[in-house]
Amino acid sequence: MEDLQIRFCTEDDYSSVFELLKQLWLKQLNYEMLHATYKNALKSNSQKLIIGFTNNQIAGFCSLTIKNSLWQAGNLGHIDELIVDNHFRKQGIGKKLMTEITQIAKANNCKRIELDSAFYRQEAHKFYENAGFEKRAYLFSKIIDE
């Protein structure tokens, strides 16, 4: 998409980002709790949130968390979310967001970027593999104290 612009997120973007996250996750989202988490991310030095927009409409969102990693002997970037609005898919927006978040990771001295993706998101897996990601591990998770 030629007229796509990418910038860091602001507080004013939250409602649009929330709508995108509803497309990404197959679970009920709590608007207020997620809003508090979003505001914390905006203030964090280790989290980077970007949006892609065209014609004043948000078309995609991507977030990165940077952490010190003993395994990498340096910084590791983890892409926490990458979502393109259903109406804007297959137009190169995801690729542009991925390129930008990779540049942000490089600027923050990350030696590697990673992400995890749900088993059912087969189309996303193809996208990530085409972007140069390799299947390297399984992700294990456990809920603690809700």
N, C-alpha and C. Protein backbone atom coordinates (compact mmCIF):
# COMPACT_ATOMS: atom_id res chain seq x y z
N MET A 1 0.85 -1.18 0.00
CA MET A 1 0.00 0.00 0.00
C MET A 1 0.89 1.23 0.00
N GLU A 2 0.78 2.02 -1.02
CA GLU A 2 1.66 3.17 -1.25
C GLU A 2 1.52 4.26 -0.19
N ASP A 3 0.29 4.56 0.24
CA ASP A 3 0.08 5.71 1.13
C ASP A 3 0.09 5.34 2.61
N LEU A 4 0.57 4.15 2.94
CA LEU A 4 0.64 3.74 4.34
C LEU A 4 1.69 4.53 5.08
N GLN A 5 1.34 5.04 6.24
CA GLN A 5 2.28 5.72 7.12
C GLN A 5 2.37 4.92 8.41
N ILE A 6 3.56 4.86 8.99
CA ILE A 6 3.77 4.14 10.23
C ILE A 6 4.35 5.10 11.25
N ARG A 7 3.82 5.02 12.47
CA ARG A 7 4.32 5.86 13.55
C ARG A 7 4.13 5.13 14.87
N PHE A 8 4.78 5.66 15.91
CA PHE A 8 4.58 5.12 17.25
C PHE A 8 3.17 5.44 17.72
N CYS A 9 2.62 4.55 18.51
CA CYS A 9 1.26 4.73 19.04
C CYS A 9 1.22 5.85 20.08
N THR A 10 0.04 6.40 20.23
CA THR A 10 -0.24 7.39 21.27
C THR A 10 -1.45 6.91 22.06
N GLU A 11 -1.72 7.60 23.14
CA GLU A 11 -2.90 7.31 23.97
C GLU A 11 -4.18 7.37 23.12
N ASP A 12 -4.25 8.34 22.21
CA ASP A 12 -5.45 8.51 21.39
C ASP A 12 -5.73 7.35 20.45
N ASP A 13 -4.76 6.49 20.21
CA ASP A 13 -4.94 5.36 19.30
C ASP A 13 -5.60 4.15 19.97
N TYR A 14 -5.76 4.20 21.29
CA TYR A 14 -6.16 2.99 22.01
C TYR A 14 -7.46 2.36 21.49
N SER A 15 -8.49 3.12 21.28
CA SER A 15 -9.77 2.54 20.85
C SER A 15 -9.62 1.76 19.55
N SER A 16 -8.86 2.30 18.62
CA SER A 16 -8.64 1.61 17.34
C SER A 16 -7.79 0.36 17.53
N VAL A 17 -6.77 0.45 18.38
CA VAL A 17 -5.93 -0.71 18.66
C VAL A 17 -6.77 -1.80 19.32
N PHE A 18 -7.64 -1.42 20.24
CA PHE A 18 -8.52 -2.39 20.90
C PHE A 18 -9.36 -3.14 19.87
N GLU A 19 -9.90 -2.43 18.90
CA GLU A 19 -10.72 -3.08 17.86
C GLU A 19 -9.88 -4.07 17.05
N LEU A 20 -8.64 -3.73 16.78
CA LEU A 20 -7.76 -4.66 16.07
C LEU A 20 -7.47 -5.90 16.92
N LEU A 21 -7.22 -5.70 18.20
CA LEU A 21 -6.92 -6.84 19.07
C LEU A 21 -8.12 -7.79 19.17
N LYS A 22 -9.32 -7.26 19.05
CA LYS A 22 -10.51 -8.12 19.04
C LYS A 22 -10.49 -9.04 17.82
N GLN A 23 -9.90 -8.60 16.73
CA GLN A 23 -9.78 -9.44 15.53
C GLN A 23 -8.69 -10.50 15.70
N LEU A 24 -7.69 -10.18 16.51
CA LEU A 24 -6.54 -11.06 16.68
C LEU A 24 -6.82 -12.21 17.65
N TRP A 25 -7.44 -11.90 18.76
CA TRP A 25 -7.59 -12.89 19.84
C TRP A 25 -8.99 -13.45 19.91
N LEU A 26 -9.09 -14.75 20.10
CA LEU A 26 -10.38 -15.43 20.23
C LEU A 26 -10.77 -15.52 21.70
N LYS A 27 -10.85 -14.39 22.35
CA LYS A 27 -11.26 -14.35 23.75
C LYS A 27 -11.95 -13.03 24.03
N GLN A 28 -12.70 -12.99 25.10
CA GLN A 28 -13.37 -11.77 25.53
C GLN A 28 -12.32 -10.83 26.11
N LEU A 29 -12.32 -9.58 25.67
CA LEU A 29 -11.33 -8.61 26.14
C LEU A 29 -11.99 -7.61 27.08
N ASN A 30 -11.27 -7.25 28.12
CA ASN A 30 -11.73 -6.26 29.07
C ASN A 30 -11.13 -4.91 28.66
N TYR A 31 -11.97 -4.01 28.20
CA TYR A 31 -11.52 -2.72 27.66
C TYR A 31 -10.68 -1.94 28.66
N GLU A 32 -11.14 -1.83 29.90
CA GLU A 32 -10.45 -1.02 30.90
C GLU A 32 -9.12 -1.65 31.32
N MET A 33 -9.12 -2.97 31.56
CA MET A 33 -7.87 -3.62 31.97
C MET A 33 -6.82 -3.54 30.86
N LEU A 34 -7.25 -3.76 29.63
CA LEU A 34 -6.33 -3.69 28.50
C LEU A 34 -5.84 -2.26 28.29
N HIS A 35 -6.72 -1.30 28.56
CA HIS A 35 -6.33 0.11 28.42
C HIS A 35 -5.21 0.45 29.41
N ALA A 36 -5.33 -0.01 30.65
CA ALA A 36 -4.29 0.24 31.64
C ALA A 36 -2.96 -0.39 31.20
N THR A 37 -3.02 -1.59 30.64
CA THR A 37 -1.82 -2.28 30.16
C THR A 37 -1.21 -1.52 28.98
N TYR A 38 -2.06 -1.04 28.09
CA TYR A 38 -1.63 -0.24 26.93
C TYR A 38 -0.90 1.02 27.40
N LYS A 39 -1.48 1.72 28.37
CA LYS A 39 -0.85 2.95 28.88
C LYS A 39 0.51 2.65 29.51
N ASN A 40 0.60 1.53 30.22
CA ASN A 40 1.89 1.13 30.80
C ASN A 40 2.91 0.87 29.70
N ALA A 41 2.47 0.23 28.62
CA ALA A 41 3.38 -0.06 27.50
C ALA A 41 3.89 1.24 26.86
N LEU A 42 3.02 2.22 26.73
CA LEU A 42 3.43 3.50 26.15
C LEU A 42 4.51 4.18 26.98
N LYS A 43 4.48 3.98 28.29
CA LYS A 43 5.45 4.61 29.19
C LYS A 43 6.74 3.80 29.33
N SER A 44 6.70 2.55 28.91
CA SER A 44 7.82 1.64 29.10
C SER A 44 8.96 1.91 28.13
N ASN A 45 10.18 1.77 28.63
CA ASN A 45 11.35 1.87 27.75
C ASN A 45 11.58 0.59 26.97
N SER A 46 11.02 -0.51 27.44
CA SER A 46 11.28 -1.81 26.81
C SER A 46 10.17 -2.24 25.84
N GLN A 47 9.09 -1.49 25.76
CA GLN A 47 8.02 -1.84 24.83
C GLN A 47 7.87 -0.75 23.78
N LYS A 48 7.68 -1.19 22.55
CA LYS A 48 7.51 -0.28 21.41
C LYS A 48 6.23 -0.67 20.69
N LEU A 49 5.33 0.29 20.52
CA LEU A 49 4.04 0.06 19.87
C LEU A 49 3.94 0.95 18.64
N ILE A 50 3.63 0.35 17.50
CA ILE A 50 3.50 1.13 16.27
C ILE A 50 2.17 0.82 15.59
N ILE A 51 1.71 1.78 14.80
CA ILE A 51 0.52 1.58 13.98
C ILE A 51 0.83 1.99 12.55
N GLY A 52 0.11 1.34 11.65
CA GLY A 52 0.13 1.73 10.25
C GLY A 52 -1.24 2.32 9.93
N PHE A 53 -1.24 3.45 9.26
CA PHE A 53 -2.53 4.06 8.94
C PHE A 53 -2.52 4.64 7.54
N THR A 54 -3.71 4.71 6.99
CA THR A 54 -3.91 5.28 5.66
C THR A 54 -5.23 6.03 5.67
N ASN A 55 -5.27 7.19 5.05
CA ASN A 55 -6.49 8.01 5.02
C ASN A 55 -7.07 8.20 6.42
N ASN A 56 -6.21 8.46 7.39
CA ASN A 56 -6.60 8.68 8.78
C ASN A 56 -7.32 7.49 9.41
N GLN A 57 -7.13 6.31 8.87
CA GLN A 57 -7.72 5.10 9.44
C GLN A 57 -6.61 4.12 9.79
N ILE A 58 -6.64 3.61 11.01
CA ILE A 58 -5.63 2.65 11.44
C ILE A 58 -5.87 1.32 10.74
N ALA A 59 -4.84 0.84 10.06
CA ALA A 59 -4.94 -0.40 9.27
C ALA A 59 -4.20 -1.56 9.92
N GLY A 60 -3.25 -1.27 10.82
CA GLY A 60 -2.50 -2.34 11.45
C GLY A 60 -1.78 -1.87 12.69
N PHE A 61 -1.37 -2.85 13.50
CA PHE A 61 -0.73 -2.59 14.78
C PHE A 61 0.34 -3.64 15.02
N CYS A 62 1.44 -3.22 15.64
CA CYS A 62 2.50 -4.16 15.99
C CYS A 62 3.16 -3.70 17.28
N SER A 63 3.50 -4.65 18.14
CA SER A 63 4.18 -4.31 19.38
C SER A 63 5.41 -5.19 19.57
N LEU A 64 6.40 -4.61 20.21
CA LEU A 64 7.68 -5.28 20.44
C LEU A 64 8.08 -5.08 21.89
N THR A 65 8.54 -6.14 22.53
CA THR A 65 9.12 -6.05 23.86
C THR A 65 10.59 -6.41 23.76
N ILE A 66 11.43 -5.58 24.32
CA ILE A 66 12.88 -5.78 24.29
C ILE A 66 13.31 -6.25 25.67
N LYS A 67 14.04 -7.35 25.69
CA LYS A 67 14.52 -7.85 26.98
C LYS A 67 15.98 -8.26 26.87
N ASN A 68 16.66 -8.18 28.00
CA ASN A 68 18.02 -8.66 28.10
C ASN A 68 17.96 -10.19 28.11
N SER A 69 18.75 -10.83 27.28
CA SER A 69 18.68 -12.28 27.14
C SER A 69 20.05 -12.91 27.34
N LEU A 70 20.15 -13.79 28.31
CA LEU A 70 21.40 -14.53 28.49
C LEU A 70 21.67 -15.40 27.28
N TRP A 71 20.61 -16.01 26.73
CA TRP A 71 20.74 -16.88 25.56
C TRP A 71 21.37 -16.13 24.40
N GLN A 72 21.00 -14.88 24.19
CA GLN A 72 21.54 -14.08 23.10
C GLN A 72 22.77 -13.28 23.52
N ALA A 73 23.08 -13.30 24.80
CA ALA A 73 24.16 -12.47 25.34
C ALA A 73 23.98 -11.02 24.90
N GLY A 74 22.75 -10.57 25.03
CA GLY A 74 22.38 -9.21 24.63
C GLY A 74 20.88 -9.08 24.57
N ASN A 75 20.41 -8.12 23.80
CA ASN A 75 18.97 -7.87 23.72
C ASN A 75 18.28 -8.81 22.73
N LEU A 76 17.07 -9.18 23.11
CA LEU A 76 16.19 -10.00 22.29
C LEU A 76 14.87 -9.25 22.14
N GLY A 77 14.38 -9.13 20.93
CA GLY A 77 13.09 -8.48 20.70
C GLY A 77 12.01 -9.53 20.50
N HIS A 78 10.90 -9.36 21.19
CA HIS A 78 9.77 -10.28 21.03
C HIS A 78 8.59 -9.50 20.47
N ILE A 79 8.12 -9.92 19.31
CA ILE A 79 6.93 -9.30 18.71
C ILE A 79 5.73 -9.91 19.43
N ASP A 80 5.05 -9.08 20.21
CA ASP A 80 3.94 -9.55 21.01
C ASP A 80 2.64 -9.62 20.21
N GLU A 81 2.42 -8.63 19.39
CA GLU A 81 1.22 -8.60 18.55
C GLU A 81 1.58 -8.04 17.18
N LEU A 82 0.95 -8.61 16.17
CA LEU A 82 0.99 -8.07 14.81
C LEU A 82 -0.37 -8.37 14.21
N ILE A 83 -1.09 -7.32 13.90
CA ILE A 83 -2.44 -7.51 13.35
C ILE A 83 -2.71 -6.46 12.29
N VAL A 84 -3.27 -6.91 11.18
CA VAL A 84 -3.74 -6.02 10.12
C VAL A 84 -5.25 -6.16 10.08
N ASP A 85 -5.94 -5.05 10.03
CA ASP A 85 -7.39 -5.05 9.98
C ASP A 85 -7.88 -5.90 8.81
N ASN A 86 -8.95 -6.65 9.06
CA ASN A 86 -9.52 -7.53 8.03
C ASN A 86 -9.73 -6.83 6.69
N HIS A 87 -10.11 -5.56 6.73
CA HIS A 87 -10.40 -4.81 5.50
C HIS A 87 -9.14 -4.41 4.72
N PHE A 88 -7.97 -4.55 5.35
CA PHE A 88 -6.73 -4.09 4.73
C PHE A 88 -5.74 -5.21 4.46
N ARG A 89 -6.15 -6.45 4.64
CA ARG A 89 -5.20 -7.56 4.47
C ARG A 89 -4.85 -7.76 2.99
N LYS A 90 -3.71 -8.40 2.78
CA LYS A 90 -3.20 -8.74 1.44
C LYS A 90 -2.81 -7.50 0.64
N GLN A 91 -2.41 -6.43 1.35
CA GLN A 91 -1.98 -5.20 0.68
C GLN A 91 -0.55 -4.80 1.05
N GLY A 92 0.16 -5.69 1.75
CA GLY A 92 1.54 -5.41 2.10
C GLY A 92 1.72 -4.67 3.42
N ILE A 93 0.65 -4.44 4.14
CA ILE A 93 0.74 -3.69 5.40
C ILE A 93 1.49 -4.47 6.46
N GLY A 94 1.19 -5.76 6.59
CA GLY A 94 1.89 -6.59 7.57
C GLY A 94 3.39 -6.61 7.31
N LYS A 95 3.76 -6.70 6.06
CA LYS A 95 5.18 -6.71 5.69
C LYS A 95 5.85 -5.39 6.07
N LYS A 96 5.16 -4.28 5.83
CA LYS A 96 5.73 -2.97 6.18
C LYS A 96 5.84 -2.79 7.69
N LEU A 97 4.84 -3.26 8.43
CA LEU A 97 4.92 -3.19 9.89
C LEU A 97 6.07 -4.05 10.40
N MET A 98 6.23 -5.24 9.82
CA MET A 98 7.31 -6.14 10.23
C MET A 98 8.67 -5.52 9.93
N THR A 99 8.81 -4.88 8.79
CA THR A 99 10.07 -4.22 8.44
C THR A 99 10.38 -3.11 9.43
N GLU A 100 9.38 -2.31 9.77
CA GLU A 100 9.58 -1.19 10.70
C GLU A 100 9.91 -1.70 12.10
N ILE A 101 9.20 -2.71 12.59
CA ILE A 101 9.47 -3.20 13.95
C ILE A 101 10.85 -3.85 14.01
N THR A 102 11.29 -4.45 12.90
CA THR A 102 12.64 -5.02 12.85
C THR A 102 13.69 -3.91 12.94
N GLN A 103 13.44 -2.80 12.27
CA GLN A 103 14.36 -1.66 12.35
C GLN A 103 14.41 -1.09 13.77
N ILE A 104 13.27 -1.05 14.43
CA ILE A 104 13.22 -0.58 15.82
C ILE A 104 14.02 -1.54 16.71
N ALA A 105 13.87 -2.84 16.48
CA ALA A 105 14.64 -3.83 17.24
C ALA A 105 16.14 -3.63 17.02
N LYS A 106 16.54 -3.42 15.78
CA LYS A 106 17.96 -3.17 15.48
C LYS A 106 18.46 -1.92 16.18
N ALA A 107 17.65 -0.86 16.16
CA ALA A 107 18.03 0.40 16.80
C ALA A 107 18.16 0.25 18.31
N ASN A 108 17.53 -0.79 18.85
CA ASN A 108 17.61 -1.07 20.28
C ASN A 108 18.55 -2.22 20.58
N ASN A 109 19.47 -2.46 19.66
CA ASN A 109 20.55 -3.43 19.83
C ASN A 109 20.08 -4.87 20.03
N CYS A 110 18.94 -5.22 19.44
CA CYS A 110 18.48 -6.60 19.52
C CYS A 110 19.29 -7.45 18.54
N LYS A 111 19.69 -8.61 18.99
CA LYS A 111 20.44 -9.53 18.16
C LYS A 111 19.51 -10.47 17.40
N ARG A 112 18.28 -10.60 17.87
CA ARG A 112 17.31 -11.52 17.28
C ARG A 112 15.92 -11.00 17.62
N ILE A 113 14.96 -11.30 16.74
CA ILE A 113 13.56 -11.06 17.07
C ILE A 113 12.83 -12.39 16.99
N GLU A 114 11.84 -12.52 17.85
CA GLU A 114 11.03 -13.74 17.90
C GLU A 114 9.57 -13.37 18.03
N LEU A 115 8.73 -14.34 17.85
CA LEU A 115 7.30 -14.19 18.08
C LEU A 115 6.71 -15.57 18.31
N ASP A 116 5.53 -15.58 18.88
CA ASP A 116 4.80 -16.84 18.96
C ASP A 116 3.46 -16.64 18.27
N SER A 117 2.89 -17.73 17.81
CA SER A 117 1.65 -17.67 17.05
C SER A 117 0.83 -18.92 17.35
N ALA A 118 -0.46 -18.74 17.55
CA ALA A 118 -1.35 -19.86 17.88
C ALA A 118 -1.33 -20.90 16.76
N PHE A 119 -1.50 -22.16 17.14
CA PHE A 119 -1.47 -23.26 16.18
C PHE A 119 -2.45 -23.07 15.03
N TYR A 120 -3.63 -22.54 15.31
CA TYR A 120 -4.68 -22.43 14.28
C TYR A 120 -4.42 -21.33 13.26
N ARG A 121 -3.44 -20.46 13.47
CA ARG A 121 -3.21 -19.33 12.58
C ARG A 121 -2.27 -19.71 11.44
N GLN A 122 -2.67 -20.70 10.67
CA GLN A 122 -1.83 -21.25 9.60
C GLN A 122 -1.41 -20.20 8.57
N GLU A 123 -2.31 -19.32 8.20
CA GLU A 123 -1.97 -18.29 7.20
C GLU A 123 -0.90 -17.34 7.76
N ALA A 124 -1.00 -17.02 9.04
CA ALA A 124 0.01 -16.16 9.66
C ALA A 124 1.36 -16.86 9.68
N HIS A 125 1.36 -18.17 9.91
CA HIS A 125 2.62 -18.92 9.94
C HIS A 125 3.34 -18.82 8.60
N LYS A 126 2.59 -18.91 7.52
CA LYS A 126 3.20 -18.77 6.19
C LYS A 126 3.79 -17.37 6.02
N PHE A 127 3.07 -16.37 6.50
CA PHE A 127 3.55 -14.98 6.43
C PHE A 127 4.88 -14.86 7.17
N TYR A 128 4.96 -15.40 8.38
CA TYR A 128 6.18 -15.29 9.18
C TYR A 128 7.34 -16.04 8.53
N GLU A 129 7.07 -17.20 8.00
CA GLU A 129 8.13 -17.95 7.31
C GLU A 129 8.62 -17.20 6.09
N ASN A 130 7.71 -16.59 5.35
CA ASN A 130 8.10 -15.78 4.19
C ASN A 130 8.90 -14.54 4.61
N ALA A 131 8.70 -14.10 5.85
CA ALA A 131 9.44 -12.94 6.38
C ALA A 131 10.79 -13.35 6.97
N GLY A 132 11.14 -14.65 6.86
CA GLY A 132 12.45 -15.11 7.31
C GLY A 132 12.49 -15.74 8.69
N PHE A 133 11.34 -15.89 9.33
CA PHE A 133 11.31 -16.53 10.64
C PHE A 133 11.36 -18.04 10.48
N GLU A 134 11.96 -18.71 11.45
CA GLU A 134 12.03 -20.16 11.44
C GLU A 134 11.29 -20.71 12.66
N LYS A 135 10.73 -21.89 12.51
CA LYS A 135 10.14 -22.57 13.66
C LYS A 135 11.29 -23.12 14.48
N ARG A 136 11.42 -22.63 15.71
CA ARG A 136 12.57 -22.98 16.52
C ARG A 136 12.20 -23.66 17.82
N ALA A 137 10.97 -23.47 18.30
CA ALA A 137 10.62 -24.01 19.61
C ALA A 137 9.11 -24.03 19.78
N TYR A 138 8.67 -24.74 20.78
CA TYR A 138 7.28 -24.66 21.22
C TYR A 138 7.20 -23.63 22.35
N LEU A 139 6.06 -23.01 22.48
CA LEU A 139 5.81 -22.10 23.58
C LEU A 139 4.94 -22.84 24.58
N PHE A 140 5.34 -22.85 25.82
CA PHE A 140 4.55 -23.44 26.88
C PHE A 140 4.09 -22.31 27.80
N SER A 141 2.85 -22.35 28.23
CA SER A 141 2.37 -21.30 29.13
C SER A 141 1.46 -21.91 30.19
N LYS A 142 1.34 -21.20 31.30
CA LYS A 142 0.54 -21.64 32.42
C LYS A 142 -0.06 -20.41 33.08
N ILE A 143 -1.34 -20.44 33.32
CA ILE A 143 -2.01 -19.34 34.01
C ILE A 143 -1.66 -19.43 35.49
N ILE A 144 -1.29 -18.29 36.08
CA ILE A 144 -1.06 -18.23 37.52
C ILE A 144 -1.91 -17.12 38.11
N ASP A 145 -2.54 -17.39 39.20
CA ASP A 145 -3.34 -16.42 39.97
C ASP A 145 -4.11 -15.43 39.11
N GLU A 146 -5.32 -15.78 38.78
CA GLU A 146 -6.17 -14.83 38.07
C GLU A 146 -6.91 -13.94 39.02
